[in-house]
Amino acid sequence: MRTTVIDLILHMLRMMRLGHNLKDLQTDLLGNYNNSEVSAAYSWVLQKMQDGTITTKGFPANRSMRVLHIAERMVISPEAYGYLLELYNMGIISPLQMENIIEQTMINNFERITLERMKEIVGRHVFAPETKRSSGKTYLSRNESIN
């Protein structure tokens, strides 16, 4: 479900930048997606617009371009990196989240990262609790332990 919600968020932001109304988009999307997915995406977009994290006026001017190292290019497919760049440029992920996602792909994977796999990784980062994201440190959840 996380990847579907992120795809919905991305679609909503693309359409809003083309001049469509967010309320109309929510109604149009109910025919193709279930109500909980559309509501989650709609709520996320509204929250981020209210706190100024994302805008519908175009790409932020102060965004720098992240270039992959040769080792990162060997692991991350061009499609997966393009998806990551679009999320970054739309304001869906922050520079720190982008770095954490790239770092996670380099540490935890032994095979090439496809677009679908990248969507799964991004879903975990976008919807992670704020306490886990803000400091850049990893904390254990209540049901996790170190062996």
Foldseek 3Di string as FASTA:
>chain_A
DLLLLVVLLLVLLVVVLVPDDSVVSLVVCVVPDPNVSSVVNSVVVVVCVVVVQFDSPFFDPPDDDDDDDPLLPQAEDPLLVVVLVSCDRRRLDDPQLSVVLSVCSNPPDDHHQDNVNSSVSVSCSSPPDPVCRPPVDHDDDPPDDDD
